[in-house]
Protein backbone atom coordinates (compact mmCIF):
# COMPACT_ATOMS: atom_id res chain seq x y z
CA GLN A 1 -58.28 -1.99 -19.59
CA VAL A 2 -59.81 -2.94 -22.91
CA GLN A 3 -63.34 -3.40 -23.63
CA LEU A 4 -65.14 -4.37 -27.08
CA VAL A 5 -68.78 -3.88 -27.71
CA GLU A 6 -70.34 -5.34 -30.69
CA SER A 7 -74.06 -4.33 -32.02
CA GLY A 8 -76.10 -3.97 -35.02
CA GLY A 9 -77.52 -7.96 -34.65
CA GLY A 10 -80.83 -8.64 -35.28
CA LEU A 11 -83.22 -10.89 -36.70
CA VAL A 12 -83.34 -10.64 -40.72
CA GLN A 13 -85.12 -12.79 -43.14
CA ALA A 14 -83.22 -15.15 -45.55
CA GLY A 15 -81.42 -12.98 -48.62
CA GLY A 16 -81.27 -9.70 -46.31
CA SER A 17 -78.36 -7.92 -44.96
CA LEU A 18 -76.79 -6.50 -41.65
CA ARG A 19 -74.19 -4.47 -40.57
CA LEU A 20 -71.91 -5.09 -37.38
CA SER A 21 -70.32 -2.74 -35.55
CA CYS A 22 -67.40 -3.17 -32.97
CA ALA A 23 -65.72 -0.54 -30.79
CA ALA A 24 -62.59 -0.58 -28.79
CA SER A 25 -63.09 1.65 -25.72
CA GLY A 26 -60.35 4.13 -24.59
CA ARG A 27 -57.32 5.46 -25.93
CA THR A 28 -55.52 2.79 -24.62
CA PHE A 29 -56.11 0.59 -27.25
CA VAL A 30 -53.55 0.59 -29.82
CA GLY A 31 -51.49 -1.63 -31.49
CA TYR A 32 -54.33 -4.30 -31.82
CA VAL A 33 -56.49 -5.19 -34.68
CA MET A 34 -59.91 -6.75 -34.39
CA ASP A 35 -61.46 -9.42 -36.45
CA TRP A 36 -64.63 -11.36 -36.31
CA PHE A 37 -65.87 -14.80 -35.28
CA ARG A 38 -69.30 -16.61 -34.67
CA GLN A 39 -70.06 -19.39 -32.26
CA THR A 40 -73.67 -21.52 -32.39
CA PRO A 41 -74.70 -23.69 -29.16
CA GLY A 42 -72.71 -26.57 -28.80
CA LYS A 43 -70.41 -25.82 -31.42
CA GLU A 44 -66.81 -24.38 -31.38
CA ARG A 45 -66.01 -20.63 -32.34
CA GLU A 46 -65.44 -20.55 -35.55
CA PHE A 47 -63.48 -17.61 -37.60
CA VAL A 48 -65.43 -15.59 -40.09
CA ALA A 49 -63.34 -12.63 -41.02
CA ALA A 50 -60.29 -10.85 -40.81
CA SER A 51 -57.89 -7.94 -42.27
CA SER A 52 -54.81 -6.31 -41.73
CA TRP A 53 -54.63 -2.88 -40.26
CA SER A 54 -54.82 -0.98 -43.34
CA GLY A 55 -57.48 -3.31 -44.62
CA GLY A 56 -55.43 -4.30 -47.55
CA ILE A 57 -55.48 -7.56 -47.04
CA THR A 58 -58.65 -9.86 -45.85
CA TYR A 59 -59.20 -13.36 -45.16
CA TYR A 60 -62.90 -14.88 -44.71
CA ALA A 61 -64.10 -17.94 -44.08
CA ASP A 62 -65.11 -20.08 -47.29
CA SER A 63 -68.77 -20.59 -46.07
CA VAL A 64 -68.93 -16.45 -46.16
CA LYS A 65 -66.85 -15.36 -48.97
CA GLY A 66 -68.36 -13.09 -51.67
CA ARG A 67 -71.38 -12.61 -49.06
CA PHE A 68 -69.68 -10.44 -45.86
CA THR A 69 -67.45 -8.06 -46.05
CA ILE A 70 -64.70 -6.92 -43.02
CA SER A 71 -63.68 -3.21 -42.68
CA ARG A 72 -62.17 -0.69 -40.07
CA ASP A 73 -62.28 2.68 -39.03
CA ASN A 74 -59.00 3.08 -37.48
CA ALA A 75 -59.61 6.53 -36.22
CA LYS A 76 -62.59 5.27 -34.56
CA ASN A 77 -61.19 2.14 -33.19
CA THR A 78 -64.19 0.12 -35.15
CA VAL A 79 -64.67 -2.80 -37.12
CA TYR A 80 -67.59 -3.59 -39.13
CA LEU A 81 -68.66 -6.39 -40.66
CA GLN A 82 -71.33 -6.10 -43.69
CA MET A 83 -73.31 -9.23 -44.23
CA ASN A 84 -75.40 -9.47 -47.37
CA SER A 85 -77.21 -12.42 -48.46
CA LEU A 86 -77.91 -14.23 -45.40
CA LYS A 87 -78.61 -17.75 -44.72
CA PRO A 88 -80.44 -19.45 -41.93
CA GLU A 89 -76.80 -21.07 -41.41
CA ASP A 90 -75.22 -17.66 -40.60
CA THR A 91 -77.60 -17.70 -37.48
CA ALA A 92 -75.19 -17.25 -34.67
CA VAL A 93 -73.20 -14.80 -31.72
CA TYR A 94 -70.96 -12.97 -33.67
CA TYR A 95 -67.87 -11.80 -31.71
CA CYS A 96 -65.17 -9.17 -32.11
CA ALA A 97 -62.07 -10.08 -31.17
CA ALA A 98 -58.55 -8.48 -30.99
CA ARG A 99 -54.97 -9.83 -31.72
CA ARG A 100 -51.84 -7.77 -31.53
CA ILE A 101 -50.95 -6.36 -35.18
CA ARG A 102 -47.96 -9.04 -35.70
CA ALA A 103 -50.27 -12.12 -34.72
CA THR A 104 -51.19 -14.27 -37.45
CA PRO A 105 -54.99 -14.05 -37.99
CA LYS A 106 -57.42 -16.67 -37.81
CA ASP A 107 -56.36 -18.43 -35.16
CA VAL A 108 -58.31 -18.39 -31.97
CA GLY A 109 -55.39 -18.65 -29.73
CA ASN A 110 -54.03 -15.42 -30.95
CA TYR A 111 -56.73 -13.31 -30.04
CA VAL A 112 -56.20 -11.78 -26.66
CA TYR A 113 -59.28 -9.37 -26.17
CA TRP A 114 -63.09 -10.33 -27.02
CA GLY A 115 -66.50 -8.75 -26.99
CA GLN A 116 -69.89 -9.78 -25.35
CA GLY A 117 -71.17 -10.93 -28.61
CA THR A 118 -74.47 -9.97 -30.85
CA GLN A 119 -76.64 -12.36 -32.01
CA VAL A 120 -78.04 -12.58 -35.21
CA THR A 121 -80.95 -14.61 -36.45
CA VAL A 122 -81.58 -15.31 -40.26
CA SER A 123 -85.05 -16.96 -40.84
CA SER A 124 -85.95 -19.03 -43.72
């Protein structure tokens, strides 16, 4: 079975930084890539950041481009999201999600495993 666990969320002032982590459990997690989404109450889950398995190509939502950076440590089955210059509108529950390596990133429907999420709150 596959389990994804996010960590690193918390409360931060506007302009501050946080680094989120998501680790996949077990050694059966092969052939998947983990990316990042976020969701606020009453809104649809939205794409935040994705990358190829090697990290050689990245994708970002326009709202976070230039401020967030996705990276991964494949040896540890872990993906990271470095969030800088945080804004109150970044407040959300952040989720990591896994897709098959060959699956197109960014589309929610292409992700087959989801973590439980970690809360990020940015105060003004």
